[in-house]
């Protein structure tokens, strides 16, 4: 029903996906406006090619084999910018927020004390530099659960993320009764940004003296494995990382990582009745002041029970050939209104 049709017969999982223009689609007769406005399909086909090696992807952009790179590696941005045939710009309107997710069903992270000990060792700056390096204005810390710079953003109770001490975290780990249980951290080797933040956590856990098993796999396998509720001995997992647009973390009503409704929560399945109560209360807030007070209570409670650890956010530029026309800013990558000269 949208501007493009998915061509299932041309889909090769992990390698290629193709969409064709939907000739039956009638766009609004108005300018495109992010995800709204006139979504006119101006090209016959959209072909996604999955290139797992960033250097190969960069070369494909420079030589003209590919037209658009959604998430170029920050280390390769200088190379791309040197090409007169390429545009490198911040197309996404929101920062990309990174998180570390615990599996709350099994040891050791069914123990809130262990979760808090790990959080005490986290320094968001290490994670963001691992992704974006020292790129000017490339990243920021954000030590709360709501998108920084938005109405509900706050750091009430976020002191646990300001400790940034391996030694204090080790002491907290001992006090929590950590008994050497295996921690299976699954990292996607073919997803450079998420892999980079996963490696920071792997190093942190080793410095804490935790019994780490690092599983390097591809993103598709990680997505399948994270659905498993089995213990690690039967193919389960302990920790994963992911990223999300800042737009998805602005309000409790659609903040997936903040849901703590047990078996119905996002992967990791945290359960906390107080967060769920506060979320429902926010929906009934009488005014903006009450909504902000509830948001502060939500942040405070989230930092107590830690359904996940916020790791900061970075700005993710995109790259495209100069003959690609109609590129517009949006919270996610969309290809309507775009064509080739």
C-alpha atoms as a PDB file:
ATOM      1  CA  UNK A   1       0.000   0.000   0.000  1.00  0.00           C
ATOM      2  CA  UNK A   2       3.048   2.295   0.176  1.00  0.00           C
ATOM      3  CA  UNK A   3       5.257   3.961  -2.428  1.00  0.00           C
ATOM      4  CA  UNK A   4       7.280   0.771  -3.034  1.00  0.00           C
ATOM      5  CA  UNK A   5       6.527  -2.956  -3.224  1.00  0.00           C
ATOM      6  CA  UNK A   6       8.845  -5.548  -1.675  1.00  0.00           C
ATOM      7  CA  UNK A   7       9.954  -8.103  -4.282  1.00  0.00           C
ATOM      8  CA  UNK A   8      10.081 -11.317  -2.291  1.00  0.00           C
ATOM      9  CA  UNK A   9      11.282 -13.380  -5.251  1.00  0.00           C
ATOM     10  CA  UNK A  10      14.452 -11.275  -5.460  1.00  0.00           C
ATOM     11  CA  UNK A  11      15.176 -11.373  -1.730  1.00  0.00           C
ATOM     12  CA  UNK A  12      18.397 -13.104  -0.708  1.00  0.00           C
ATOM     13  CA  UNK A  13      18.588 -12.914   3.122  1.00  0.00           C
ATOM     14  CA  UNK A  14      21.832 -11.401   4.320  1.00  0.00           C
ATOM     15  CA  UNK A  15      22.829 -10.275   0.834  1.00  0.00           C
ATOM     16  CA  UNK A  16      20.157  -8.413  -1.122  1.00  0.00           C
ATOM     17  CA  UNK A  17      16.636  -6.983  -0.901  1.00  0.00           C
ATOM     18  CA  UNK A  18      14.707  -5.213  -3.665  1.00  0.00           C
ATOM     19  CA  UNK A  19      11.690  -2.907  -3.833  1.00  0.00           C
ATOM     20  CA  UNK A  20       9.889  -1.739  -6.975  1.00  0.00           C
ATOM     21  CA  UNK A  21       7.825   1.376  -7.503  1.00  0.00           C
ATOM     22  CA  UNK A  22       4.162   0.828  -6.633  1.00  0.00           C
ATOM     23  CA  UNK A  23       2.336   2.272  -9.636  1.00  0.00           C
ATOM     24  CA  UNK A  24      -0.978   2.010  -7.785  1.00  0.00           C
ATOM     25  CA  UNK A  25       0.191   4.330  -5.018  1.00  0.00           C
ATOM     26  CA  UNK A  26      -1.073   7.919  -5.162  1.00  0.00           C
ATOM     27  CA  UNK A  27       1.045  10.324  -3.064  1.00  0.00           C
ATOM     28  CA  UNK A  28      -0.231  13.542  -1.569  1.00  0.00           C
ATOM     29  CA  UNK A  29       0.299  16.573  -3.762  1.00  0.00           C
ATOM     30  CA  UNK A  30       2.530  18.397  -1.290  1.00  0.00           C
ATOM     31  CA  UNK A  31       6.248  18.572  -0.433  1.00  0.00           C
ATOM     32  CA  UNK A  32       7.835  15.729   1.472  1.00  0.00           C
ATOM     33  CA  UNK A  33       8.184  16.456   5.201  1.00  0.00           C
ATOM     34  CA  UNK A  34      10.189  13.757   6.957  1.00  0.00           C
ATOM     35  CA  UNK A  35       7.866  10.776   7.237  1.00  0.00           C
ATOM     36  CA  UNK A  36       4.857  12.899   6.237  1.00  0.00           C
ATOM     37  CA  UNK A  37       3.863  14.942   3.213  1.00  0.00           C
ATOM     38  CA  UNK A  38       3.998  13.743  -0.372  1.00  0.00           C
ATOM     39  CA  UNK A  39       5.830  10.415  -0.511  1.00  0.00           C
ATOM     40  CA  UNK A  40       6.397  10.204  -4.262  1.00  0.00           C
ATOM     41  CA  UNK A  41       8.333   7.164  -5.569  1.00  0.00           C
ATOM     42  CA  UNK A  42      10.711   8.741  -8.078  1.00  0.00           C
ATOM     43  CA  UNK A  43      12.816   5.718  -8.957  1.00  0.00           C
ATOM     44  CA  UNK A  44      11.854   2.385 -10.492  1.00  0.00           C
ATOM     45  CA  UNK A  45      13.769   0.181  -8.037  1.00  0.00           C
ATOM     46  CA  UNK A  46      15.479   0.334  -4.674  1.00  0.00           C
ATOM     47  CA  UNK A  47      18.153  -2.333  -4.263  1.00  0.00           C
ATOM     48  CA  UNK A  48      19.714  -2.946  -0.879  1.00  0.00           C
ATOM     49  CA  UNK A  49      23.081  -4.688  -0.964  1.00  0.00           C
ATOM     50  CA  UNK A  50      24.452  -5.984   2.328  1.00  0.00           C
ATOM     51  CA  UNK A  51      28.234  -5.430   2.393  1.00  0.00           C
ATOM     52  CA  UNK A  52      29.597  -6.562   5.733  1.00  0.00           C
ATOM     53  CA  UNK A  53      33.121  -5.200   5.283  1.00  0.00           C
ATOM     54  CA  UNK A  54      33.151  -1.393   5.753  1.00  0.00           C
ATOM     55  CA  UNK A  55      36.250  -0.873   3.599  1.00  0.00           C
ATOM     56  CA  UNK A  56      34.607  -2.747   0.736  1.00  0.00           C
ATOM     57  CA  UNK A  57      31.465  -0.647   1.155  1.00  0.00           C
ATOM     58  CA  UNK A  58      33.492   2.564   1.102  1.00  0.00           C
ATOM     59  CA  UNK A  59      35.265   1.505  -2.074  1.00  0.00           C
ATOM     60  CA  UNK A  60      31.916   0.657  -3.699  1.00  0.00           C
ATOM     61  CA  UNK A  61      30.712   4.176  -2.931  1.00  0.00           C
ATOM     62  CA  UNK A  62      33.859   5.876  -4.242  1.00  0.00           C
ATOM     63  CA  UNK A  63      33.864   3.867  -7.487  1.00  0.00           C
ATOM     64  CA  UNK A  64      30.147   4.320  -8.091  1.00  0.00           C
ATOM     65  CA  UNK A  65      29.149   0.675  -7.667  1.00  0.00           C
ATOM     66  CA  UNK A  66      26.717   1.788  -4.968  1.00  0.00           C
ATOM     67  CA  UNK A  67      24.691   4.996  -4.699  1.00  0.00           C
ATOM     68  CA  UNK A  68      23.869   5.277  -0.985  1.00  0.00           C
ATOM     69  CA  UNK A  69      25.415   4.142   2.306  1.00  0.00           C
ATOM     70  CA  UNK A  70      23.075   4.351   5.262  1.00  0.00           C
ATOM     71  CA  UNK A  71      25.518   3.978   8.160  1.00  0.00           C
ATOM     72  CA  UNK A  72      29.130   4.545   7.080  1.00  0.00           C
ATOM     73  CA  UNK A  73      31.778   3.779   9.655  1.00  0.00           C
ATOM     74  CA  UNK A  74      32.970   6.998  11.310  1.00  0.00           C
ATOM     75  CA  UNK A  75      36.612   6.052  10.733  1.00  0.00           C
ATOM     76  CA  UNK A  76      35.951   6.087   6.986  1.00  0.00           C
ATOM     77  CA  UNK A  77      34.202   9.459   6.821  1.00  0.00           C
ATOM     78  CA  UNK A  78      37.420  11.361   5.934  1.00  0.00           C
ATOM     79  CA  UNK A  79      37.967   9.011   2.974  1.00  0.00           C
ATOM     80  CA  UNK A  80      34.413   9.516   1.756  1.00  0.00           C
ATOM     81  CA  UNK A  81      34.599  13.288   2.168  1.00  0.00           C
ATOM     82  CA  UNK A  82      37.687  13.439  -0.036  1.00  0.00           C
ATOM     83  CA  UNK A  83      35.683  12.137  -2.982  1.00  0.00           C
ATOM     84  CA  UNK A  84      34.188  14.889  -5.134  1.00  0.00           C
ATOM     85  CA  UNK A  85      31.467  12.492  -6.228  1.00  0.00           C
ATOM     86  CA  UNK A  86      30.078  11.887  -2.757  1.00  0.00           C
ATOM     87  CA  UNK A  87      27.971  13.830  -0.279  1.00  0.00           C
ATOM     88  CA  UNK A  88      28.448  13.038   3.417  1.00  0.00           C
ATOM     89  CA  UNK A  89      25.796  14.654   5.593  1.00  0.00           C
ATOM     90  CA  UNK A  90      23.746  14.206   8.723  1.00  0.00           C
ATOM     91  CA  UNK A  91      20.491  13.124   7.144  1.00  0.00           C
ATOM     92  CA  UNK A  92      18.882  11.576  10.229  1.00  0.00           C
ATOM     93  CA  UNK A  93      17.109  14.155  12.382  1.00  0.00           C
ATOM     94  CA  UNK A  94      17.729  12.274  15.632  1.00  0.00           C
ATOM     95  CA  UNK A  95      20.832  10.979  17.340  1.00  0.00           C
ATOM     96  CA  UNK A  96      21.409   7.230  17.457  1.00  0.00           C
ATOM     97  CA  UNK A  97      21.139   5.993  21.051  1.00  0.00           C
ATOM     98  CA  UNK A  98      23.102   2.956  22.181  1.00  0.00           C
ATOM     99  CA  UNK A  99      22.040   0.620  24.981  1.00  0.00           C
ATOM    100  CA  UNK A 100      23.227  -2.483  26.811  1.00  0.00           C
ATOM    101  CA  UNK A 101      20.425  -4.968  27.510  1.00  0.00           C
ATOM    102  CA  UNK A 102      20.486  -7.585  30.264  1.00  0.00           C
ATOM    103  CA  UNK A 103      18.701 -10.916  30.240  1.00  0.00           C
ATOM    104  CA  UNK A 104      16.685 -10.639  33.462  1.00  0.00           C
ATOM    105  CA  UNK A 105      15.511 -14.258  33.474  1.00  0.00           C
ATOM    106  CA  UNK A 106      18.758 -15.988  34.424  1.00  0.00           C
ATOM    107  CA  UNK A 107      21.883 -15.491  36.540  1.00  0.00           C
ATOM    108  CA  UNK A 108      23.813 -13.378  36.934  1.00  0.00           C
ATOM    109  CA  UNK A 109      21.634 -10.488  35.708  1.00  0.00           C
ATOM    110  CA  UNK A 110      18.469 -11.631  37.431  1.00  0.00           C
ATOM    111  CA  UNK A 111      20.258 -10.038  40.411  1.00  0.00           C
ATOM    112  CA  UNK A 112      19.730  -6.271  40.459  1.00  0.00           C
ATOM    113  CA  UNK A 113      22.912  -5.855  42.501  1.00  0.00           C
ATOM    114  CA  UNK A 114      24.957  -7.375  39.687  1.00  0.00           C
ATOM    115  CA  UNK A 115      23.250  -5.141  37.126  1.00  0.00           C
ATOM    116  CA  UNK A 116      24.009  -2.076  39.224  1.00  0.00           C
ATOM    117  CA  UNK A 117      27.643  -3.137  39.667  1.00  0.00           C
ATOM    118  CA  UNK A 118      28.114  -3.285  35.891  1.00  0.00           C
ATOM    119  CA  UNK A 119      26.447   0.115  35.504  1.00  0.00           C
ATOM    120  CA  UNK A 120      28.873   1.611  38.024  1.00  0.00           C
ATOM    121  CA  UNK A 121      31.763   0.653  35.745  1.00  0.00           C
ATOM    122  CA  UNK A 122      30.238   2.174  32.603  1.00  0.00           C
ATOM    123  CA  UNK A 123      31.670   5.362  31.179  1.00  0.00           C
ATOM    124  CA  UNK A 124      29.526   6.478  28.254  1.00  0.00           C
ATOM    125  CA  UNK A 125      32.429   8.396  26.777  1.00  0.00           C
ATOM    126  CA  UNK A 126      34.308   5.142  26.156  1.00  0.00           C
ATOM    127  CA  UNK A 127      31.365   3.733  24.223  1.00  0.00           C
ATOM    128  CA  UNK A 128      30.812   6.789  22.098  1.00  0.00           C
ATOM    129  CA  UNK A 129      34.491   7.164  21.228  1.00  0.00           C
ATOM    130  CA  UNK A 130      34.529   3.509  20.174  1.00  0.00           C
ATOM    131  CA  UNK A 131      31.868   4.319  17.576  1.00  0.00           C
ATOM    132  CA  UNK A 132      32.493   7.916  16.555  1.00  0.00           C
ATOM    133  CA  UNK A 133      36.051   8.564  17.729  1.00  0.00           C
ATOM    134  CA  UNK A 134      36.804  12.238  18.142  1.00  0.00           C
ATOM    135  CA  UNK A 135      34.549  13.329  15.287  1.00  0.00           C
ATOM    136  CA  UNK A 136      33.645  16.966  15.970  1.00  0.00           C
ATOM    137  CA  UNK A 137      30.141  17.115  17.464  1.00  0.00           C
ATOM    138  CA  UNK A 138      29.890  13.398  16.689  1.00  0.00           C
ATOM    139  CA  UNK A 139      28.516  12.190  20.011  1.00  0.00           C
ATOM    140  CA  UNK A 140      27.291  13.136  23.478  1.00  0.00           C
ATOM    141  CA  UNK A 141      26.676  11.433  26.791  1.00  0.00           C
ATOM    142  CA  UNK A 142      23.052  11.098  27.911  1.00  0.00           C
ATOM    143  CA  UNK A 143      22.765   9.605  31.377  1.00  0.00           C
ATOM    144  CA  UNK A 144      19.009   9.150  31.506  1.00  0.00           C
ATOM    145  CA  UNK A 145      16.362   7.021  29.841  1.00  0.00           C
ATOM    146  CA  UNK A 146      14.679   9.771  27.791  1.00  0.00           C
ATOM    147  CA  UNK A 147      16.081  11.451  24.696  1.00  0.00           C
ATOM    148  CA  UNK A 148      18.339  14.309  25.711  1.00  0.00           C
ATOM    149  CA  UNK A 149      17.084  17.766  24.814  1.00  0.00           C
ATOM    150  CA  UNK A 150      13.414  16.733  24.881  1.00  0.00           C
ATOM    151  CA  UNK A 151      10.687  17.659  27.347  1.00  0.00           C
ATOM    152  CA  UNK A 152      11.010  14.599  29.588  1.00  0.00           C
ATOM    153  CA  UNK A 153      14.815  14.356  29.630  1.00  0.00           C
ATOM    154  CA  UNK A 154      16.227  14.240  33.156  1.00  0.00           C
ATOM    155  CA  UNK A 155      18.909  12.580  35.272  1.00  0.00           C
ATOM    156  CA  UNK A 156      16.962  11.999  38.481  1.00  0.00           C
ATOM    157  CA  UNK A 157      18.622   9.062  40.224  1.00  0.00           C
ATOM    158  CA  UNK A 158      21.287   8.670  37.530  1.00  0.00           C
ATOM    159  CA  UNK A 159      24.177   8.799  39.994  1.00  0.00           C
ATOM    160  CA  UNK A 160      24.901   5.115  39.299  1.00  0.00           C
ATOM    161  CA  UNK A 161      26.061   6.104  35.798  1.00  0.00           C
ATOM    162  CA  UNK A 162      28.353   8.802  37.150  1.00  0.00           C
ATOM    163  CA  UNK A 163      30.483   6.465  39.303  1.00  0.00           C
ATOM    164  CA  UNK A 164      32.633   5.300  36.355  1.00  0.00           C
ATOM    165  CA  UNK A 165      34.917   3.244  38.583  1.00  0.00           C
ATOM    166  CA  UNK A 166      36.079  -0.330  38.010  1.00  0.00           C
ATOM    167  CA  UNK A 167      37.250  -0.662  41.625  1.00  0.00           C
ATOM    168  CA  UNK A 168      33.946   0.482  43.114  1.00  0.00           C
ATOM    169  CA  UNK A 169      32.109  -1.738  40.652  1.00  0.00           C
ATOM    170  CA  UNK A 170      34.221  -4.739  41.727  1.00  0.00           C
ATOM    171  CA  UNK A 171      33.310  -4.084  45.354  1.00  0.00           C
ATOM    172  CA  UNK A 172      29.622  -3.796  44.455  1.00  0.00           C
ATOM    173  CA  UNK A 173      29.860  -7.049  42.491  1.00  0.00           C
ATOM    174  CA  UNK A 174      31.238  -8.848  45.551  1.00  0.00           C
ATOM    175  CA  UNK A 175      28.515  -7.376  47.762  1.00  0.00           C
ATOM    176  CA  UNK A 176      25.881  -8.525  45.266  1.00  0.00           C
ATOM    177  CA  UNK A 177      27.077 -12.112  45.678  1.00  0.00           C
ATOM    178  CA  UNK A 178      28.299 -12.701  42.150  1.00  0.00           C
ATOM    179  CA  UNK A 179      29.571 -16.275  42.152  1.00  0.00           C
ATOM    180  CA  UNK A 180      31.337 -16.554  38.822  1.00  0.00           C
ATOM    181  CA  UNK A 181      28.311 -17.418  36.699  1.00  0.00           C
ATOM    182  CA  UNK A 182      28.996 -17.360  32.977  1.00  0.00           C
ATOM    183  CA  UNK A 183      28.081 -14.178  31.108  1.00  0.00           C
ATOM    184  CA  UNK A 184      27.362 -14.789  27.421  1.00  0.00           C
ATOM    185  CA  UNK A 185      27.721 -11.542  25.481  1.00  0.00           C
ATOM    186  CA  UNK A 186      26.554 -11.848  21.869  1.00  0.00           C
ATOM    187  CA  UNK A 187      28.118  -9.330  19.471  1.00  0.00           C
ATOM    188  CA  UNK A 188      27.364  -8.757  15.751  1.00  0.00           C
ATOM    189  CA  UNK A 189      30.653  -8.763  13.881  1.00  0.00           C
ATOM    190  CA  UNK A 190      28.963  -7.555  10.697  1.00  0.00           C
ATOM    191  CA  UNK A 191      27.383  -4.483  12.338  1.00  0.00           C
ATOM    192  CA  UNK A 192      30.384  -2.224  13.054  1.00  0.00           C
ATOM    193  CA  UNK A 193      28.706   0.326  15.338  1.00  0.00           C
ATOM    194  CA  UNK A 194      26.959  -2.200  17.586  1.00  0.00           C
ATOM    195  CA  UNK A 195      29.993  -4.474  17.500  1.00  0.00           C
ATOM    196  CA  UNK A 196      32.174  -1.588  18.701  1.00  0.00           C
ATOM    197  CA  UNK A 197      30.042  -0.886  21.756  1.00  0.00           C
ATOM    198  CA  UNK A 198      29.818  -4.631  22.460  1.00  0.00           C
ATOM    199  CA  UNK A 199      33.625  -4.814  22.571  1.00  0.00           C
ATOM    200  CA  UNK A 200      33.737  -1.997  25.137  1.00  0.00           C
ATOM    201  CA  UNK A 201      31.418  -3.989  27.396  1.00  0.00           C
ATOM    202  CA  UNK A 202      33.437  -7.162  26.831  1.00  0.00           C
ATOM    203  CA  UNK A 203      36.581  -5.377  28.008  1.00  0.00           C
ATOM    204  CA  UNK A 204      34.718  -3.894  30.973  1.00  0.00           C
ATOM    205  CA  UNK A 205      33.406  -7.299  32.102  1.00  0.00           C
ATOM    206  CA  UNK A 206      36.871  -8.827  31.869  1.00  0.00           C
ATOM    207  CA  UNK A 207      38.296  -6.021  33.987  1.00  0.00           C
ATOM    208  CA  UNK A 208      35.548  -6.666  36.526  1.00  0.00           C
ATOM    209  CA  UNK A 209      36.654 -10.297  36.707  1.00  0.00           C
ATOM    210  CA  UNK A 210      33.374 -11.713  35.397  1.00  0.00           C
ATOM    211  CA  UNK A 211      33.262 -15.090  33.658  1.00  0.00           C
ATOM    212  CA  UNK A 212      32.783 -13.829  30.114  1.00  0.00           C
ATOM    213  CA  UNK A 213      32.033 -15.835  26.997  1.00  0.00           C
ATOM    214  CA  UNK A 214      32.087 -13.529  23.979  1.00  0.00           C
ATOM    215  CA  UNK A 215      30.090 -14.871  21.033  1.00  0.00           C
ATOM    216  CA  UNK A 216      30.820 -13.093  17.761  1.00  0.00           C
ATOM    217  CA  UNK A 217      28.182 -13.737  15.133  1.00  0.00           C
ATOM    218  CA  UNK A 218      26.242 -11.953  12.420  1.00  0.00           C
ATOM    219  CA  UNK A 219      23.346  -9.579  13.082  1.00  0.00           C
ATOM    220  CA  UNK A 220      20.734 -11.969  11.741  1.00  0.00           C
ATOM    221  CA  UNK A 221      21.837 -14.733  14.090  1.00  0.00           C
ATOM    222  CA  UNK A 222      21.892 -12.323  17.027  1.00  0.00           C
ATOM    223  CA  UNK A 223      18.317 -11.269  16.255  1.00  0.00           C
ATOM    224  CA  UNK A 224      17.264 -14.911  16.296  1.00  0.00           C
ATOM    225  CA  UNK A 225      19.198 -15.793  19.444  1.00  0.00           C
ATOM    226  CA  UNK A 226      17.946 -12.851  21.482  1.00  0.00           C
ATOM    227  CA  UNK A 227      14.443 -14.344  21.314  1.00  0.00           C
ATOM    228  CA  UNK A 228      15.598 -17.386  23.297  1.00  0.00           C
ATOM    229  CA  UNK A 229      14.550 -17.512  26.946  1.00  0.00           C
ATOM    230  CA  UNK A 230      16.766 -20.534  27.606  1.00  0.00           C
ATOM    231  CA  UNK A 231      19.704 -20.345  30.041  1.00  0.00           C
ATOM    232  CA  UNK A 232      23.145 -19.873  28.534  1.00  0.00           C
ATOM    233  CA  UNK A 233      23.877 -23.590  28.864  1.00  0.00           C
ATOM    234  CA  UNK A 234      21.103 -24.250  26.356  1.00  0.00           C
ATOM    235  CA  UNK A 235      21.883 -21.556  23.808  1.00  0.00           C
ATOM    236  CA  UNK A 236      20.596 -18.497  25.659  1.00  0.00           C
ATOM    237  CA  UNK A 237      22.321 -15.202  26.273  1.00  0.00           C
ATOM    238  CA  UNK A 238      23.175 -12.770  29.060  1.00  0.00           C
ATOM    239  CA  UNK A 239      23.823  -9.429  27.353  1.00  0.00           C
ATOM    240  CA  UNK A 240      23.265  -7.817  23.971  1.00  0.00           C
ATOM    241  CA  UNK A 241      23.573  -4.299  22.617  1.00  0.00           C
ATOM    242  CA  UNK A 242      21.491  -2.360  20.153  1.00  0.00           C
ATOM    243  CA  UNK A 243      20.758   1.158  18.980  1.00  0.00           C
ATOM    244  CA  UNK A 244      17.615   3.189  18.473  1.00  0.00           C
ATOM    245  CA  UNK A 245      16.590   6.556  17.070  1.00  0.00           C
ATOM    246  CA  UNK A 246      16.181   9.245  19.707  1.00  0.00           C
ATOM    247  CA  UNK A 247      12.616   9.717  18.487  1.00  0.00           C
ATOM    248  CA  UNK A 248      11.651   6.311  19.906  1.00  0.00           C
ATOM    249  CA  UNK A 249      12.874   7.177  23.423  1.00  0.00           C
ATOM    250  CA  UNK A 250      11.114  10.505  23.954  1.00  0.00           C
ATOM    251  CA  UNK A 251       7.904   9.273  25.617  1.00  0.00           C
ATOM    252  CA  UNK A 252       7.048   6.377  27.968  1.00  0.00           C
ATOM    253  CA  UNK A 253       4.169   5.278  25.742  1.00  0.00           C
ATOM    254  CA  UNK A 254       6.479   3.909  23.014  1.00  0.00           C
ATOM    255  CA  UNK A 255       9.794   3.537  24.852  1.00  0.00           C
ATOM    256  CA  UNK A 256      10.342  -0.219  24.331  1.00  0.00           C
ATOM    257  CA  UNK A 257      13.446  -0.511  26.497  1.00  0.00           C
ATOM    258  CA  UNK A 258      11.581   0.998  29.449  1.00  0.00           C
ATOM    259  CA  UNK A 259       8.776  -1.551  29.412  1.00  0.00           C
ATOM    260  CA  UNK A 260       9.031  -3.934  32.363  1.00  0.00           C
ATOM    261  CA  UNK A 261       6.007  -6.146  31.834  1.00  0.00           C
ATOM    262  CA  UNK A 262       7.930  -9.406  32.111  1.00  0.00           C
ATOM    263  CA  UNK A 263       7.165 -11.931  29.358  1.00  0.00           C
ATOM    264  CA  UNK A 264       5.614  -9.196  27.190  1.00  0.00           C
ATOM    265  CA  UNK A 265       8.601  -6.836  27.495  1.00  0.00           C
ATOM    266  CA  UNK A 266      11.260  -6.367  24.836  1.00  0.00           C
ATOM    267  CA  UNK A 267      14.007  -9.027  24.730  1.00  0.00           C
ATOM    268  CA  UNK A 268      15.559  -9.411  28.167  1.00  0.00           C
ATOM    269  CA  UNK A 269      12.089  -9.479  29.761  1.00  0.00           C
ATOM    270  CA  UNK A 270      12.547  -7.218  32.817  1.00  0.00           C
ATOM    271  CA  UNK A 271       9.702  -7.159  35.308  1.00  0.00           C
ATOM    272  CA  UNK A 272       8.999  -4.230  37.613  1.00  0.00           C
ATOM    273  CA  UNK A 273       5.509  -3.262  38.714  1.00  0.00           C
ATOM    274  CA  UNK A 274       6.541   0.246  39.766  1.00  0.00           C
ATOM    275  CA  UNK A 275       7.833   1.248  36.330  1.00  0.00           C
ATOM    276  CA  UNK A 276       4.633  -0.083  34.777  1.00  0.00           C
ATOM    277  CA  UNK A 277       2.556   1.844  37.330  1.00  0.00           C
ATOM    278  CA  UNK A 278       4.423   5.061  36.593  1.00  0.00           C
ATOM    279  CA  UNK A 279       4.060   4.544  32.869  1.00  0.00           C
ATOM    280  CA  UNK A 280       0.294   4.239  33.257  1.00  0.00           C
ATOM    281  CA  UNK A 281       0.246   7.305  35.512  1.00  0.00           C
ATOM    282  CA  UNK A 282       2.089   9.333  32.883  1.00  0.00           C
ATOM    283  CA  UNK A 283      -0.688   8.596  30.399  1.00  0.00           C
ATOM    284  CA  UNK A 284      -3.164  10.159  32.830  1.00  0.00           C
ATOM    285  CA  UNK A 285      -1.031  13.185  33.737  1.00  0.00           C
ATOM    286  CA  UNK A 286      -3.130  16.336  34.025  1.00  0.00           C
ATOM    287  CA  UNK A 287      -0.501  18.733  32.662  1.00  0.00           C
ATOM    288  CA  UNK A 288       3.085  19.060  31.500  1.00  0.00           C
ATOM    289  CA  UNK A 289       4.355  19.670  35.033  1.00  0.00           C
ATOM    290  CA  UNK A 290       2.878  16.435  36.335  1.00  0.00           C
ATOM    291  CA  UNK A 291       4.131  14.576  33.266  1.00  0.00           C
ATOM    292  CA  UNK A 292       7.681  15.814  33.948  1.00  0.00           C
ATOM    293  CA  UNK A 293       7.484  14.789  37.622  1.00  0.00           C
ATOM    294  CA  UNK A 294       6.387  11.301  36.606  1.00  0.00           C
ATOM    295  CA  UNK A 295       9.197  11.157  34.036  1.00  0.00           C
ATOM    296  CA  UNK A 296      11.677  11.976  36.795  1.00  0.00           C
ATOM    297  CA  UNK A 297      10.203   9.192  38.937  1.00  0.00           C
ATOM    298  CA  UNK A 298      10.495   6.824  35.968  1.00  0.00           C
ATOM    299  CA  UNK A 299      14.142   7.705  35.460  1.00  0.00           C
ATOM    300  CA  UNK A 300      14.847   7.313  39.162  1.00  0.00           C
ATOM    301  CA  UNK A 301      13.192   3.894  39.277  1.00  0.00           C
ATOM    302  CA  UNK A 302      14.874   2.766  36.051  1.00  0.00           C
ATOM    303  CA  UNK A 303      18.251   3.614  37.558  1.00  0.00           C
ATOM    304  CA  UNK A 304      17.363   1.575  40.633  1.00  0.00           C
ATOM    305  CA  UNK A 305      16.334  -1.618  38.835  1.00  0.00           C
ATOM    306  CA  UNK A 306      18.176  -1.102  35.507  1.00  0.00           C
ATOM    307  CA  UNK A 307      16.122  -2.804  32.797  1.00  0.00           C
ATOM    308  CA  UNK A 308      18.984  -1.638  30.554  1.00  0.00           C
ATOM    309  CA  UNK A 309      21.992   0.690  30.603  1.00  0.00           C
ATOM    310  CA  UNK A 310      21.927   3.856  28.438  1.00  0.00           C
ATOM    311  CA  UNK A 311      25.291   4.300  26.712  1.00  0.00           C
ATOM    312  CA  UNK A 312      24.982   7.753  25.147  1.00  0.00           C
ATOM    313  CA  UNK A 313      24.220   8.805  21.585  1.00  0.00           C
ATOM    314  CA  UNK A 314      26.090   9.564  18.411  1.00  0.00           C
ATOM    315  CA  UNK A 315      25.234  11.369  15.209  1.00  0.00           C
ATOM    316  CA  UNK A 316      25.248   8.969  12.283  1.00  0.00           C
ATOM    317  CA  UNK A 317      25.941  10.628   8.915  1.00  0.00           C
ATOM    318  CA  UNK A 318      24.926   8.998   5.652  1.00  0.00           C
ATOM    319  CA  UNK A 319      26.709   9.121   2.286  1.00  0.00           C
ATOM    320  CA  UNK A 320      25.338   9.241  -1.249  1.00  0.00           C
ATOM    321  CA  UNK A 321      26.503   9.905  -4.802  1.00  0.00           C
ATOM    322  CA  UNK A 322      26.084  13.493  -6.003  1.00  0.00           C
ATOM    323  CA  UNK A 323      23.785  12.344  -8.792  1.00  0.00           C
ATOM    324  CA  UNK A 324      21.243  11.134  -6.217  1.00  0.00           C
ATOM    325  CA  UNK A 325      18.509  13.772  -6.042  1.00  0.00           C
ATOM    326  CA  UNK A 326      15.722  14.631  -3.619  1.00  0.00           C
ATOM    327  CA  UNK A 327      17.496  13.579  -0.420  1.00  0.00           C
ATOM    328  CA  UNK A 328      15.598  14.906   2.607  1.00  0.00           C
ATOM    329  CA  UNK A 329      15.987  14.812   6.379  1.00  0.00           C
ATOM    330  CA  UNK A 330      13.923  12.300   8.358  1.00  0.00           C
ATOM    331  CA  UNK A 331      14.093  10.371  11.653  1.00  0.00           C
ATOM    332  CA  UNK A 332      14.736   7.122   9.716  1.00  0.00           C
ATOM    333  CA  UNK A 333      16.129   6.318   6.280  1.00  0.00           C
ATOM    334  CA  UNK A 334      13.403   6.594   3.624  1.00  0.00           C
ATOM    335  CA  UNK A 335      13.758   6.556  -0.161  1.00  0.00           C
ATOM    336  CA  UNK A 336      10.628   8.193  -1.503  1.00  0.00           C
ATOM    337  CA  UNK A 337      11.181  11.556  -3.229  1.00  0.00           C
ATOM    338  CA  UNK A 338      14.675  10.377  -4.242  1.00  0.00           C
ATOM    339  CA  UNK A 339      15.899   9.702  -7.744  1.00  0.00           C
ATOM    340  CA  UNK A 340      19.041   9.829  -9.913  1.00  0.00           C
ATOM    341  CA  UNK A 341      20.063  12.588 -12.290  1.00  0.00           C
END
